[in-house]
Amino acid sequence: MKKAILAMFVIGMFVFIAGFALAAVNGASTVIEEGSSTGQATTPENHSAIAGNVTEITIDGSSVTQTWQGYYGNVSGAITLENSAGNVMYNWSLASPEGEIYASTNNAVTWAGISCFNFTAEGTAQETAFGIGSNDADGIDETFSNTVHQAFATGSEAFVSGDCMSTEVFAGGSGAESTFDEVLLWDGSAIVFTALLEEDVNGFDNNPHDFQMLVAENGHSGDTDTTPYFFYVELA
């Protein structure tokens, strides 16, 4: 079972090159892992068995997911006006940027025409790729079971509120849903996990974060192989 890696991102954004506007989404220039941990093992409770007794018991427990990796952190960066040599004419520093963080196994996401992930069309193949069974409680459709999220834009594609499969990642250490919206997009070949940025909202650990997100990872049946995820940003 894989450890859930928890990361903080310090990200630079370059939007304008050689006098014309590129698509606003760009690769994250810096990804720094600040720490990592996973759920702790629980000490088992006991009950004294007595020969001849028939006893009704209620058991409560939990298991660490073998399907999802968690990321969270803060974002800093700038929007720049520069040429192809990296000479900056002007920049706009963003202390608390708005926008999105994207993560995908695809290192060259096709942003033109990107769309909401369609579980009916692509879900079975994607769950199979990540070792997810059709009845698993932590499958893709069980996790991204909402269509409740803020309106946002990815490059030239606009998504209205509630357009796509989404989930709300817990905040405040209470195990309750929060304002950390995450949306599933599809570029024609891979899922693009999309976290909508917030500004210093208390996260799952009661510390302020700009984003929290889940990405799929196969940890079933003792699989310990890792999956590279490529991170992209769009700042406003």
C-alpha atoms as a PDB file:
ATOM      1  CA  MET A   1       0.000   0.000   0.000  1.00  0.00           C
ATOM      2  CA  LYS A   2       1.454   3.298  -1.004  1.00  0.00           C
ATOM      3  CA  LYS A   3       2.091   6.142   1.356  1.00  0.00           C
ATOM      4  CA  ALA A   4      -0.062   9.208   0.755  1.00  0.00           C
ATOM      5  CA  ILE A   5       2.452  11.860  -0.236  1.00  0.00           C
ATOM      6  CA  LEU A   6       1.531  15.344   0.887  1.00  0.00           C
ATOM      7  CA  ALA A   7       3.255  18.085  -1.068  1.00  0.00           C
ATOM      8  CA  MET A   8       3.531  21.874  -1.219  1.00  0.00           C
ATOM      9  CA  PHE A   9       3.990  23.626  -4.490  1.00  0.00           C
ATOM     10  CA  VAL A  10       5.913  26.805  -5.258  1.00  0.00           C
ATOM     11  CA  ILE A  11       4.944  27.607  -8.808  1.00  0.00           C
ATOM     12  CA  GLY A  12       5.948  30.173 -11.447  1.00  0.00           C
ATOM     13  CA  MET A  13       3.619  31.019 -14.301  1.00  0.00           C
ATOM     14  CA  PHE A  14       4.627  32.317 -17.738  1.00  0.00           C
ATOM     15  CA  VAL A  15       1.707  33.486 -19.848  1.00  0.00           C
ATOM     16  CA  PHE A  16       2.889  35.820 -22.602  1.00  0.00           C
ATOM     17  CA  ILE A  17       5.810  35.018 -24.910  1.00  0.00           C
ATOM     18  CA  ALA A  18       7.156  36.893 -27.963  1.00  0.00           C
ATOM     19  CA  GLY A  19       4.276  39.367 -28.040  1.00  0.00           C
ATOM     20  CA  PHE A  20       1.316  36.969 -28.321  1.00  0.00           C
ATOM     21  CA  ALA A  21      -0.804  35.158 -25.745  1.00  0.00           C
ATOM     22  CA  LEU A  22      -0.306  31.432 -25.224  1.00  0.00           C
ATOM     23  CA  ALA A  23      -2.875  29.156 -23.663  1.00  0.00           C
ATOM     24  CA  ALA A  24      -2.998  30.202 -20.005  1.00  0.00           C
ATOM     25  CA  VAL A  25      -2.166  26.705 -18.737  1.00  0.00           C
ATOM     26  CA  ASN A  26       1.534  25.985 -18.323  1.00  0.00           C
ATOM     27  CA  GLY A  27       3.743  23.383 -16.683  1.00  0.00           C
ATOM     28  CA  ALA A  28       4.595  23.931 -13.027  1.00  0.00           C
ATOM     29  CA  SER A  29       8.161  25.249 -12.924  1.00  0.00           C
ATOM     30  CA  THR A  30       8.826  24.044  -9.381  1.00  0.00           C
ATOM     31  CA  VAL A  31       7.320  21.164  -7.401  1.00  0.00           C
ATOM     32  CA  ILE A  32       8.830  20.727  -3.937  1.00  0.00           C
ATOM     33  CA  GLU A  33       7.868  17.873  -1.624  1.00  0.00           C
ATOM     34  CA  GLU A  34       7.659  19.312   1.891  1.00  0.00           C
ATOM     35  CA  GLY A  35       6.529  16.186   3.746  1.00  0.00           C
ATOM     36  CA  SER A  36       4.796  12.843   3.454  1.00  0.00           C
ATOM     37  CA  SER A  37       2.766  10.584   5.741  1.00  0.00           C
ATOM     38  CA  THR A  38       0.121   7.899   5.714  1.00  0.00           C
ATOM     39  CA  GLY A  39      -2.612   6.715   8.067  1.00  0.00           C
ATOM     40  CA  GLN A  40      -1.505   4.941  11.236  1.00  0.00           C
ATOM     41  CA  ALA A  41      -2.304   1.339  12.093  1.00  0.00           C
ATOM     42  CA  THR A  42      -5.060   0.923  14.692  1.00  0.00           C
ATOM     43  CA  THR A  43      -4.513  -1.192  17.806  1.00  0.00           C
ATOM     44  CA  PRO A  44      -7.069  -4.028  17.695  1.00  0.00           C
ATOM     45  CA  GLU A  45      -9.802  -4.204  20.334  1.00  0.00           C
ATOM     46  CA  ASN A  46     -10.587  -7.536  21.971  1.00  0.00           C
ATOM     47  CA  HIS A  47     -13.564  -9.451  23.331  1.00  0.00           C
ATOM     48  CA  SER A  48     -13.352 -12.375  25.706  1.00  0.00           C
ATOM     49  CA  ALA A  49     -14.840 -15.471  24.111  1.00  0.00           C
ATOM     50  CA  ILE A  50     -16.710 -17.904  26.406  1.00  0.00           C
ATOM     51  CA  ALA A  51     -17.445 -21.424  25.248  1.00  0.00           C
ATOM     52  CA  GLY A  52     -21.166 -21.885  24.589  1.00  0.00           C
ATOM     53  CA  ASN A  53     -21.911 -18.155  24.194  1.00  0.00           C
ATOM     54  CA  VAL A  54     -23.454 -16.577  21.107  1.00  0.00           C
ATOM     55  CA  THR A  55     -22.624 -12.848  21.163  1.00  0.00           C
ATOM     56  CA  GLU A  56     -23.732 -10.051  18.864  1.00  0.00           C
ATOM     57  CA  ILE A  57     -21.025  -7.429  18.369  1.00  0.00           C
ATOM     58  CA  THR A  58     -20.787  -4.211  16.335  1.00  0.00           C
ATOM     59  CA  ILE A  59     -17.423  -3.458  14.769  1.00  0.00           C
ATOM     60  CA  ASP A  60     -16.215  -0.097  13.490  1.00  0.00           C
ATOM     61  CA  GLY A  61     -12.939   0.259  11.630  1.00  0.00           C
ATOM     62  CA  SER A  62     -11.170   1.863   8.706  1.00  0.00           C
ATOM     63  CA  SER A  63      -8.669   0.960   5.995  1.00  0.00           C
ATOM     64  CA  VAL A  64      -6.238   3.230   4.165  1.00  0.00           C
ATOM     65  CA  THR A  65      -7.257   3.628   0.524  1.00  0.00           C
ATOM     66  CA  GLN A  66      -5.330   1.684  -2.115  1.00  0.00           C
ATOM     67  CA  THR A  67      -6.663   3.927  -4.876  1.00  0.00           C
ATOM     68  CA  TRP A  68      -5.855   7.560  -4.092  1.00  0.00           C
ATOM     69  CA  GLN A  69      -2.847   9.787  -3.425  1.00  0.00           C
ATOM     70  CA  GLY A  70      -3.387  13.137  -1.682  1.00  0.00           C
ATOM     71  CA  TYR A  71      -1.672  16.443  -2.435  1.00  0.00           C
ATOM     72  CA  TYR A  72      -2.093  19.770  -0.692  1.00  0.00           C
ATOM     73  CA  GLY A  73      -0.189  23.004  -0.324  1.00  0.00           C
ATOM     74  CA  ASN A  74       0.231  26.628  -1.215  1.00  0.00           C
ATOM     75  CA  VAL A  75       0.895  28.394  -4.483  1.00  0.00           C
ATOM     76  CA  SER A  76       2.955  31.457  -5.317  1.00  0.00           C
ATOM     77  CA  GLY A  77       3.979  32.824  -8.667  1.00  0.00           C
ATOM     78  CA  ALA A  78       3.603  35.565 -11.215  1.00  0.00           C
ATOM     79  CA  ILE A  79       2.071  36.352 -14.566  1.00  0.00           C
ATOM     80  CA  THR A  80       4.838  37.590 -16.852  1.00  0.00           C
ATOM     81  CA  LEU A  81       5.229  39.391 -20.172  1.00  0.00           C
ATOM     82  CA  GLU A  82       8.439  38.065 -21.715  1.00  0.00           C
ATOM     83  CA  ASN A  83      10.045  36.882 -24.922  1.00  0.00           C
ATOM     84  CA  SER A  84      11.205  33.386 -25.904  1.00  0.00           C
ATOM     85  CA  ALA A  85      14.634  34.022 -24.352  1.00  0.00           C
ATOM     86  CA  GLY A  86      13.037  34.614 -20.952  1.00  0.00           C
ATOM     87  CA  ASN A  87      13.676  38.368 -20.921  1.00  0.00           C
ATOM     88  CA  VAL A  88      10.892  39.878 -18.811  1.00  0.00           C
ATOM     89  CA  MET A  89       9.309  43.157 -19.903  1.00  0.00           C
ATOM     90  CA  TYR A  90       6.815  43.206 -17.035  1.00  0.00           C
ATOM     91  CA  ASN A  91       5.358  40.899 -14.404  1.00  0.00           C
ATOM     92  CA  TRP A  92       2.450  40.792 -11.982  1.00  0.00           C
ATOM     93  CA  SER A  93       3.352  39.195  -8.652  1.00  0.00           C
ATOM     94  CA  LEU A  94       0.583  37.046  -7.142  1.00  0.00           C
ATOM     95  CA  ALA A  95       0.737  36.651  -3.372  1.00  0.00           C
ATOM     96  CA  SER A  96      -2.532  34.685  -3.257  1.00  0.00           C
ATOM     97  CA  PRO A  97      -3.279  33.663  -6.829  1.00  0.00           C
ATOM     98  CA  GLU A  98      -6.565  32.429  -8.190  1.00  0.00           C
ATOM     99  CA  GLY A  99      -6.829  29.712 -10.825  1.00  0.00           C
ATOM    100  CA  GLU A 100      -6.303  25.971 -10.975  1.00  0.00           C
ATOM    101  CA  ILE A 101      -3.723  23.253 -10.313  1.00  0.00           C
ATOM    102  CA  TYR A 102      -3.820  20.347 -12.788  1.00  0.00           C
ATOM    103  CA  ALA A 103      -2.268  16.888 -12.397  1.00  0.00           C
ATOM    104  CA  SER A 104      -2.157  14.221 -15.103  1.00  0.00           C
ATOM    105  CA  THR A 105      -0.162  11.154 -16.077  1.00  0.00           C
ATOM    106  CA  ASN A 106       0.056  12.816 -19.508  1.00  0.00           C
ATOM    107  CA  ASN A 107       3.185  14.970 -19.825  1.00  0.00           C
ATOM    108  CA  ALA A 108       1.752  16.814 -22.842  1.00  0.00           C
ATOM    109  CA  VAL A 109      -1.913  17.490 -22.090  1.00  0.00           C
ATOM    110  CA  THR A 110      -3.986  18.615 -25.069  1.00  0.00           C
ATOM    111  CA  TRP A 111      -5.609  21.763 -23.671  1.00  0.00           C
ATOM    112  CA  ALA A 112      -7.463  22.774 -26.821  1.00  0.00           C
ATOM    113  CA  GLY A 113     -10.952  21.314 -26.587  1.00  0.00           C
ATOM    114  CA  ILE A 114     -10.437  19.809 -23.126  1.00  0.00           C
ATOM    115  CA  SER A 115     -13.753  18.619 -21.683  1.00  0.00           C
ATOM    116  CA  CYS A 116     -15.412  17.209 -18.585  1.00  0.00           C
ATOM    117  CA  PHE A 117     -14.514  13.578 -17.891  1.00  0.00           C
ATOM    118  CA  ASN A 118     -17.301  11.284 -19.110  1.00  0.00           C
ATOM    119  CA  PHE A 119     -17.495   8.281 -16.786  1.00  0.00           C
ATOM    120  CA  THR A 120     -19.939   6.428 -19.044  1.00  0.00           C
ATOM    121  CA  ALA A 121     -17.498   6.589 -21.948  1.00  0.00           C
ATOM    122  CA  GLU A 122     -14.126   6.343 -20.200  1.00  0.00           C
ATOM    123  CA  GLY A 123     -14.742   5.237 -16.621  1.00  0.00           C
ATOM    124  CA  THR A 124     -14.383   1.463 -16.979  1.00  0.00           C
ATOM    125  CA  ALA A 125     -11.066   1.700 -18.821  1.00  0.00           C
ATOM    126  CA  GLN A 126      -9.662   4.231 -16.363  1.00  0.00           C
ATOM    127  CA  GLU A 127     -10.706   2.243 -13.300  1.00  0.00           C
ATOM    128  CA  THR A 128      -9.167  -0.886 -14.802  1.00  0.00           C
ATOM    129  CA  ALA A 129      -5.925   0.997 -15.450  1.00  0.00           C
ATOM    130  CA  PHE A 130      -5.737   1.944 -11.756  1.00  0.00           C
ATOM    131  CA  GLY A 131      -6.718  -1.512 -10.475  1.00  0.00           C
ATOM    132  CA  ILE A 132     -10.128  -0.334  -9.249  1.00  0.00           C
ATOM    133  CA  GLY A 133     -12.914  -2.901  -9.044  1.00  0.00           C
ATOM    134  CA  SER A 134     -16.404  -1.996 -10.255  1.00  0.00           C
ATOM    135  CA  ASN A 135     -17.783  -2.388  -6.708  1.00  0.00           C
ATOM    136  CA  ASP A 136     -14.940  -0.675  -4.831  1.00  0.00           C
ATOM    137  CA  ALA A 137     -16.237   1.927  -2.390  1.00  0.00           C
ATOM    138  CA  ASP A 138     -13.368   4.277  -3.287  1.00  0.00           C
ATOM    139  CA  GLY A 139     -13.739   4.078  -7.069  1.00  0.00           C
ATOM    140  CA  ILE A 140     -13.651   7.079  -9.386  1.00  0.00           C
ATOM    141  CA  ASP A 141     -17.420   7.560  -9.657  1.00  0.00           C
ATOM    142  CA  GLU A 142     -17.918   6.883  -5.939  1.00  0.00           C
ATOM    143  CA  THR A 143     -15.325   9.546  -5.072  1.00  0.00           C
ATOM    144  CA  PHE A 144     -16.212  12.158  -7.704  1.00  0.00           C
ATOM    145  CA  SER A 145     -19.926  11.654  -7.158  1.00  0.00           C
ATOM    146  CA  ASN A 146     -20.958  15.325  -7.193  1.00  0.00           C
ATOM    147  CA  THR A 147     -21.449  17.927  -9.865  1.00  0.00           C
ATOM    148  CA  VAL A 148     -21.064  20.783  -7.403  1.00  0.00           C
ATOM    149  CA  HIS A 149     -18.179  23.127  -8.101  1.00  0.00           C
ATOM    150  CA  GLN A 150     -17.404  26.742  -8.895  1.00  0.00           C
ATOM    151  CA  ALA A 151     -17.338  28.048 -12.444  1.00  0.00           C
ATOM    152  CA  PHE A 152     -13.816  28.135 -13.920  1.00  0.00           C
ATOM    153  CA  ALA A 153     -11.947  28.279 -17.215  1.00  0.00           C
ATOM    154  CA  THR A 154      -9.113  26.132 -18.567  1.00  0.00           C
ATOM    155  CA  GLY A 155      -7.360  27.983 -21.343  1.00  0.00           C
ATOM    156  CA  SER A 156     -10.111  28.993 -23.765  1.00  0.00           C
ATOM    157  CA  GLU A 157     -12.602  26.419 -22.422  1.00  0.00           C
ATOM    158  CA  ALA A 158     -15.145  27.732 -19.900  1.00  0.00           C
ATOM    159  CA  PHE A 159     -16.960  25.447 -17.459  1.00  0.00           C
ATOM    160  CA  VAL A 160     -20.048  26.658 -15.655  1.00  0.00           C
ATOM    161  CA  SER A 161     -20.815  25.715 -12.080  1.00  0.00           C
ATOM    162  CA  GLY A 162     -21.785  22.045 -11.837  1.00  0.00           C
ATOM    163  CA  ASP A 163     -20.582  21.087 -15.340  1.00  0.00           C
ATOM    164  CA  CYS A 164     -18.265  18.207 -14.421  1.00  0.00           C
ATOM    165  CA  MET A 165     -17.831  15.261 -12.079  1.00  0.00           C
ATOM    166  CA  SER A 166     -16.406  16.715  -8.872  1.00  0.00           C
ATOM    167  CA  THR A 167     -15.715  16.190  -5.188  1.00  0.00           C
ATOM    168  CA  GLU A 168     -15.067  18.369  -2.142  1.00  0.00           C
ATOM    169  CA  VAL A 169     -11.882  17.562  -0.241  1.00  0.00           C
ATOM    170  CA  PHE A 170     -12.258  17.658   3.556  1.00  0.00           C
ATOM    171  CA  ALA A 171     -11.238  20.658   5.642  1.00  0.00           C
ATOM    172  CA  GLY A 172     -10.907  21.660   9.254  1.00  0.00           C
ATOM    173  CA  GLY A 173      -9.757  18.253  10.450  1.00  0.00           C
ATOM    174  CA  SER A 174     -13.382  17.260  10.948  1.00  0.00           C
ATOM    175  CA  GLY A 175     -13.850  14.865   8.017  1.00  0.00           C
ATOM    176  CA  ALA A 176     -16.499  17.202   6.614  1.00  0.00           C
ATOM    177  CA  GLU A 177     -16.816  18.401   3.043  1.00  0.00           C
ATOM    178  CA  SER A 178     -15.339  21.792   2.318  1.00  0.00           C
ATOM    179  CA  THR A 179     -14.812  24.505  -0.226  1.00  0.00           C
ATOM    180  CA  PHE A 180     -11.804  22.708  -1.783  1.00  0.00           C
ATOM    181  CA  ASP A 181     -13.417  21.782  -5.098  1.00  0.00           C
ATOM    182  CA  GLU A 182     -11.760  19.205  -7.360  1.00  0.00           C
ATOM    183  CA  VAL A 183     -13.007  18.470 -10.874  1.00  0.00           C
ATOM    184  CA  LEU A 184     -12.292  15.709 -13.412  1.00  0.00           C
ATOM    185  CA  LEU A 185     -11.345  16.809 -16.940  1.00  0.00           C
ATOM    186  CA  TRP A 186     -10.404  14.699 -19.995  1.00  0.00           C
ATOM    187  CA  ASP A 187      -7.966  15.623 -22.765  1.00  0.00           C
ATOM    188  CA  GLY A 188      -8.842  12.725 -25.056  1.00  0.00           C
ATOM    189  CA  SER A 189      -6.329  10.271 -23.612  1.00  0.00           C
ATOM    190  CA  ALA A 190      -5.960  10.838 -19.854  1.00  0.00           C
ATOM    191  CA  ILE A 191      -7.783  12.202 -16.825  1.00  0.00           C
ATOM    192  CA  VAL A 192      -6.725  15.684 -15.765  1.00  0.00           C
ATOM    193  CA  PHE A 193      -7.325  16.064 -12.018  1.00  0.00           C
ATOM    194  CA  THR A 194      -8.191  19.717 -11.452  1.00  0.00           C
ATOM    195  CA  ALA A 195      -8.048  21.518  -8.085  1.00  0.00           C
ATOM    196  CA  LEU A 196      -9.662  24.960  -7.957  1.00  0.00           C
ATOM    197  CA  LEU A 197      -7.474  27.338  -5.955  1.00  0.00           C
ATOM    198  CA  GLU A 198      -8.638  28.913  -2.704  1.00  0.00           C
ATOM    199  CA  GLU A 199      -6.904  31.618  -0.690  1.00  0.00           C
ATOM    200  CA  ASP A 200      -5.529  30.343   2.635  1.00  0.00           C
ATOM    201  CA  VAL A 201      -8.484  28.165   3.628  1.00  0.00           C
ATOM    202  CA  ASN A 202      -8.019  25.893   6.646  1.00  0.00           C
ATOM    203  CA  GLY A 203      -7.447  22.402   5.271  1.00  0.00           C
ATOM    204  CA  PHE A 204      -7.764  18.850   6.544  1.00  0.00           C
ATOM    205  CA  ASP A 205      -4.948  19.450   9.077  1.00  0.00           C
ATOM    206  CA  ASN A 206      -6.357  22.792  10.322  1.00  0.00           C
ATOM    207  CA  ASN A 207      -3.587  24.713   8.547  1.00  0.00           C
ATOM    208  CA  PRO A 208      -4.221  27.238   5.745  1.00  0.00           C
ATOM    209  CA  HIS A 209      -3.763  25.931   2.197  1.00  0.00           C
ATOM    210  CA  ASP A 210      -4.469  27.141  -1.325  1.00  0.00           C
ATOM    211  CA  PHE A 211      -5.447  23.709  -2.629  1.00  0.00           C
ATOM    212  CA  GLN A 212      -6.115  20.085  -1.733  1.00  0.00           C
ATOM    213  CA  MET A 213      -6.541  17.344  -4.311  1.00  0.00           C
ATOM    214  CA  LEU A 214      -6.681  13.604  -4.933  1.00  0.00           C
ATOM    215  CA  VAL A 215      -5.106  11.714  -7.834  1.00  0.00           C
ATOM    216  CA  ALA A 216      -5.667   8.051  -8.696  1.00  0.00           C
ATOM    217  CA  GLU A 217      -2.893   5.548  -7.984  1.00  0.00           C
ATOM    218  CA  ASN A 218      -2.914   1.743  -8.000  1.00  0.00           C
ATOM    219  CA  GLY A 219      -1.872   0.274  -4.658  1.00  0.00           C
ATOM    220  CA  HIS A 220      -3.991  -2.889  -4.910  1.00  0.00           C
ATOM    221  CA  SER A 221      -2.720  -6.438  -4.376  1.00  0.00           C
ATOM    222  CA  GLY A 222       0.633  -5.271  -3.071  1.00  0.00           C
ATOM    223  CA  ASP A 223       1.415  -3.069  -6.082  1.00  0.00           C
ATOM    224  CA  THR A 224       4.239  -0.749  -5.000  1.00  0.00           C
ATOM    225  CA  ASP A 225       5.076   0.765  -8.390  1.00  0.00           C
ATOM    226  CA  THR A 226       4.824   4.542  -8.454  1.00  0.00           C
ATOM    227  CA  THR A 227       3.071   6.675 -11.067  1.00  0.00           C
ATOM    228  CA  PRO A 228       4.626   9.968 -12.283  1.00  0.00           C
ATOM    229  CA  TYR A 229       2.137  12.845 -12.272  1.00  0.00           C
ATOM    230  CA  PHE A 230       2.844  16.020 -14.227  1.00  0.00           C
ATOM    231  CA  PHE A 231       1.634  19.271 -12.698  1.00  0.00           C
ATOM    232  CA  TYR A 232       0.298  22.292 -14.552  1.00  0.00           C
ATOM    233  CA  VAL A 233      -0.908  25.666 -13.341  1.00  0.00           C
ATOM    234  CA  GLU A 234      -3.188  28.427 -14.531  1.00  0.00           C
ATOM    235  CA  LEU A 235      -2.967  31.621 -12.501  1.00  0.00           C
ATOM    236  CA  ALA A 236      -5.126  34.729 -12.500  1.00  0.00           C
END
